[in-house]
Amino acid sequence: MPIVFSMPNRNILLSNHKVAQVLNANNVREATRITHLSEFVSAIIDWFRGGTHKKEIIALFHALQESQHGATEMSDQRRLEKFTQL
């Protein structure tokens, strides 16, 4: 079942698998990795539309990470707390 995230001036629709991938990612590359054929097709369509979907996934990843002082990793408990705040 897809999940819609609403952020200021943004809405993003992600599958459960993609949400779990972003939550478990330690860096942007892991968060945006293409793991299914449907994601590959969506990435091609997104590329023609200017890459907005990928930018939204990156923004979601950064919203879940502590970006202060260059910290790019956080504990699973802290990541879950930030996710539930969204």
N, C-alpha and C. Protein backbone atom coordinates (compact mmCIF):
# COMPACT_ATOMS: atom_id res chain seq x y z
N MET A 1 0.85 -1.18 0.00
CA MET A 1 0.00 0.00 0.00
C MET A 1 0.89 1.24 0.00
N PRO A 2 0.70 2.14 -0.92
CA PRO A 2 1.52 3.35 -0.97
C PRO A 2 1.26 4.28 0.21
N ILE A 3 2.28 5.03 0.56
CA ILE A 3 2.20 5.98 1.66
C ILE A 3 2.48 7.36 1.09
N VAL A 4 1.66 8.34 1.46
CA VAL A 4 1.85 9.72 1.00
C VAL A 4 2.45 10.52 2.15
N PHE A 5 3.57 11.19 1.87
CA PHE A 5 4.20 12.07 2.83
C PHE A 5 3.92 13.50 2.41
N SER A 6 3.45 14.29 3.34
CA SER A 6 3.20 15.70 3.07
C SER A 6 4.23 16.52 3.83
N MET A 7 5.02 17.26 3.08
CA MET A 7 5.98 18.18 3.65
C MET A 7 5.61 19.55 3.11
N PRO A 8 6.12 20.61 3.69
CA PRO A 8 5.76 21.94 3.19
C PRO A 8 5.98 22.06 1.67
N ASN A 9 4.92 22.37 0.97
CA ASN A 9 4.92 22.55 -0.49
C ASN A 9 5.29 21.28 -1.25
N ARG A 10 5.22 20.11 -0.61
CA ARG A 10 5.61 18.87 -1.28
C ARG A 10 4.69 17.74 -0.87
N ASN A 11 4.41 16.85 -1.79
CA ASN A 11 3.73 15.59 -1.52
C ASN A 11 4.49 14.51 -2.26
N ILE A 12 4.73 13.41 -1.59
CA ILE A 12 5.46 12.31 -2.22
C ILE A 12 4.73 11.01 -1.93
N LEU A 13 4.58 10.18 -2.94
CA LEU A 13 3.91 8.89 -2.83
C LEU A 13 4.97 7.81 -2.94
N LEU A 14 5.11 6.99 -1.89
CA LEU A 14 6.11 5.93 -1.87
C LEU A 14 5.48 4.60 -1.49
N SER A 15 6.03 3.52 -2.03
CA SER A 15 5.58 2.19 -1.65
C SER A 15 6.14 1.84 -0.28
N ASN A 16 5.57 0.83 0.35
CA ASN A 16 6.08 0.39 1.65
C ASN A 16 7.53 -0.02 1.56
N HIS A 17 7.89 -0.67 0.47
CA HIS A 17 9.28 -1.10 0.28
C HIS A 17 10.22 0.11 0.23
N LYS A 18 9.83 1.14 -0.51
CA LYS A 18 10.70 2.32 -0.64
C LYS A 18 10.81 3.06 0.69
N VAL A 19 9.72 3.11 1.45
CA VAL A 19 9.77 3.75 2.77
C VAL A 19 10.75 3.01 3.66
N ALA A 20 10.67 1.68 3.67
CA ALA A 20 11.60 0.89 4.48
C ALA A 20 13.03 1.09 4.02
N GLN A 21 13.23 1.21 2.72
CA GLN A 21 14.57 1.44 2.18
C GLN A 21 15.12 2.79 2.65
N VAL A 22 14.31 3.83 2.60
CA VAL A 22 14.76 5.16 3.04
C VAL A 22 15.02 5.16 4.54
N LEU A 23 14.16 4.50 5.30
CA LEU A 23 14.35 4.44 6.75
C LEU A 23 15.63 3.72 7.14
N ASN A 24 15.99 2.68 6.41
CA ASN A 24 17.16 1.87 6.75
C ASN A 24 18.44 2.36 6.10
N ALA A 25 18.35 3.37 5.26
CA ALA A 25 19.53 3.88 4.54
C ALA A 25 20.44 4.66 5.47
N ASN A 26 21.74 4.49 5.25
CA ASN A 26 22.74 5.25 5.99
C ASN A 26 23.27 6.43 5.20
N ASN A 27 22.96 6.46 3.90
CA ASN A 27 23.38 7.59 3.08
C ASN A 27 22.39 7.76 1.93
N VAL A 28 22.54 8.83 1.19
CA VAL A 28 21.60 9.16 0.11
C VAL A 28 21.63 8.10 -0.98
N ARG A 29 22.80 7.57 -1.25
CA ARG A 29 22.91 6.55 -2.31
C ARG A 29 22.06 5.33 -1.97
N GLU A 30 22.09 4.88 -0.72
CA GLU A 30 21.26 3.75 -0.30
C GLU A 30 19.78 4.10 -0.37
N ALA A 31 19.43 5.33 -0.02
CA ALA A 31 18.03 5.74 -0.02
C ALA A 31 17.44 5.81 -1.43
N THR A 32 18.26 6.14 -2.41
CA THR A 32 17.76 6.32 -3.77
C THR A 32 18.07 5.13 -4.68
N ARG A 33 18.62 4.07 -4.12
CA ARG A 33 18.97 2.88 -4.92
C ARG A 33 17.71 2.28 -5.56
N ILE A 34 17.84 1.87 -6.81
CA ILE A 34 16.74 1.24 -7.54
C ILE A 34 16.86 -0.27 -7.33
N THR A 35 15.82 -0.87 -6.75
CA THR A 35 15.87 -2.29 -6.43
C THR A 35 14.81 -3.12 -7.14
N HIS A 36 13.85 -2.50 -7.76
CA HIS A 36 12.79 -3.22 -8.46
C HIS A 36 12.63 -2.65 -9.87
N LEU A 37 12.10 -3.47 -10.76
CA LEU A 37 11.87 -3.04 -12.13
C LEU A 37 10.92 -1.84 -12.18
N SER A 38 9.90 -1.85 -11.31
CA SER A 38 8.95 -0.73 -11.31
C SER A 38 9.64 0.57 -10.91
N GLU A 39 10.62 0.48 -9.99
CA GLU A 39 11.37 1.68 -9.61
C GLU A 39 12.23 2.16 -10.77
N PHE A 40 12.75 1.23 -11.56
CA PHE A 40 13.55 1.60 -12.73
C PHE A 40 12.71 2.37 -13.74
N VAL A 41 11.51 1.86 -14.01
CA VAL A 41 10.60 2.54 -14.95
C VAL A 41 10.22 3.91 -14.40
N SER A 42 9.91 3.97 -13.09
CA SER A 42 9.56 5.25 -12.47
C SER A 42 10.72 6.23 -12.53
N ALA A 43 11.95 5.72 -12.38
CA ALA A 43 13.13 6.60 -12.45
C ALA A 43 13.29 7.20 -13.83
N ILE A 44 13.01 6.42 -14.87
CA ILE A 44 13.10 6.94 -16.24
C ILE A 44 12.05 8.02 -16.45
N ILE A 45 10.82 7.75 -16.03
CA ILE A 45 9.76 8.75 -16.17
C ILE A 45 10.11 10.00 -15.36
N ASP A 46 10.63 9.81 -14.14
CA ASP A 46 11.02 10.93 -13.29
C ASP A 46 12.13 11.75 -13.95
N TRP A 47 13.07 11.08 -14.60
CA TRP A 47 14.16 11.79 -15.26
C TRP A 47 13.60 12.73 -16.34
N PHE A 48 12.61 12.26 -17.10
CA PHE A 48 12.00 13.11 -18.12
C PHE A 48 11.22 14.27 -17.51
N ARG A 49 10.77 14.10 -16.27
CA ARG A 49 10.03 15.16 -15.58
C ARG A 49 10.93 16.06 -14.75
N GLY A 50 12.23 15.91 -14.87
CA GLY A 50 13.16 16.80 -14.18
C GLY A 50 13.71 16.26 -12.88
N GLY A 51 13.46 15.00 -12.57
CA GLY A 51 14.03 14.39 -11.38
C GLY A 51 13.40 14.80 -10.07
N THR A 52 12.15 15.25 -10.11
CA THR A 52 11.53 15.75 -8.88
C THR A 52 11.27 14.65 -7.86
N HIS A 53 10.92 13.45 -8.30
CA HIS A 53 10.64 12.35 -7.36
C HIS A 53 11.91 11.97 -6.61
N LYS A 54 13.04 11.89 -7.30
CA LYS A 54 14.31 11.57 -6.64
C LYS A 54 14.68 12.66 -5.65
N LYS A 55 14.44 13.91 -6.02
CA LYS A 55 14.74 15.02 -5.11
C LYS A 55 13.88 14.92 -3.85
N GLU A 56 12.64 14.48 -3.99
CA GLU A 56 11.75 14.33 -2.84
C GLU A 56 12.22 13.20 -1.93
N ILE A 57 12.71 12.12 -2.51
CA ILE A 57 13.24 11.02 -1.70
C ILE A 57 14.47 11.49 -0.94
N ILE A 58 15.31 12.25 -1.59
CA ILE A 58 16.50 12.80 -0.92
C ILE A 58 16.08 13.74 0.20
N ALA A 59 15.07 14.58 -0.04
CA ALA A 59 14.58 15.49 1.00
C ALA A 59 14.01 14.71 2.18
N LEU A 60 13.29 13.62 1.90
CA LEU A 60 12.76 12.79 2.97
C LEU A 60 13.89 12.15 3.76
N PHE A 61 14.91 11.67 3.06
CA PHE A 61 16.06 11.08 3.73
C PHE A 61 16.71 12.09 4.67
N HIS A 62 16.93 13.31 4.18
CA HIS A 62 17.56 14.34 5.00
C HIS A 62 16.66 14.76 6.16
N ALA A 63 15.35 14.72 5.96
CA ALA A 63 14.43 15.04 7.06
C ALA A 63 14.53 14.00 8.16
N LEU A 64 14.86 12.76 7.78
CA LEU A 64 14.98 11.70 8.77
C LEU A 64 16.37 11.66 9.42
N GLN A 65 17.32 12.29 8.82
CA GLN A 65 18.69 12.30 9.35
C GLN A 65 18.96 13.58 10.13
N GLU A 66 19.87 13.50 11.03
CA GLU A 66 20.29 14.71 11.72
C GLU A 66 21.33 15.38 10.84
N SER A 67 20.99 16.54 10.31
CA SER A 67 21.87 17.20 9.37
C SER A 67 22.80 18.22 10.02
N GLN A 68 22.67 18.40 11.31
CA GLN A 68 23.52 19.38 11.99
C GLN A 68 24.93 18.82 12.15
N HIS A 69 25.89 19.64 11.94
CA HIS A 69 27.31 19.33 12.14
C HIS A 69 27.78 18.18 11.27
N GLY A 70 27.13 17.99 10.13
CA GLY A 70 27.57 16.98 9.18
C GLY A 70 27.29 15.55 9.58
N ALA A 71 26.48 15.32 10.61
CA ALA A 71 26.17 13.95 11.02
C ALA A 71 25.27 13.31 9.96
N THR A 72 25.67 12.14 9.47
CA THR A 72 24.88 11.47 8.44
C THR A 72 24.33 10.14 8.92
N GLU A 73 24.66 9.72 10.14
CA GLU A 73 24.15 8.47 10.65
C GLU A 73 23.47 8.71 11.99
N MET A 74 22.47 7.92 12.31
CA MET A 74 21.81 8.02 13.60
C MET A 74 21.31 6.64 14.00
N SER A 75 20.99 6.49 15.26
CA SER A 75 20.51 5.20 15.74
C SER A 75 19.13 4.88 15.17
N ASP A 76 18.79 3.59 15.18
CA ASP A 76 17.49 3.18 14.66
C ASP A 76 16.35 3.80 15.47
N GLN A 77 16.53 3.91 16.77
CA GLN A 77 15.48 4.49 17.61
C GLN A 77 15.26 5.95 17.26
N ARG A 78 16.32 6.72 17.09
CA ARG A 78 16.20 8.14 16.73
C ARG A 78 15.57 8.29 15.35
N ARG A 79 15.94 7.42 14.41
CA ARG A 79 15.39 7.46 13.06
C ARG A 79 13.88 7.20 13.10
N LEU A 80 13.45 6.23 13.93
CA LEU A 80 12.04 5.93 14.07
C LEU A 80 11.28 7.10 14.68
N GLU A 81 11.87 7.77 15.66
CA GLU A 81 11.23 8.94 16.28
C GLU A 81 11.02 10.05 15.25
N LYS A 82 12.02 10.31 14.42
CA LYS A 82 11.89 11.36 13.40
C LYS A 82 10.87 10.96 12.35
N PHE A 83 10.78 9.67 12.01
CA PHE A 83 9.80 9.20 11.05
C PHE A 83 8.39 9.39 11.57
N THR A 84 8.16 9.09 12.83
CA THR A 84 6.82 9.23 13.38
C THR A 84 6.42 10.70 13.51
N GLN A 85 7.39 11.59 13.59
CA GLN A 85 7.10 13.02 13.63
C GLN A 85 6.56 13.53 12.30
N LEU A 86 6.91 12.85 11.20
CA LEU A 86 6.42 13.28 9.89
C LEU A 86 4.95 12.98 9.80
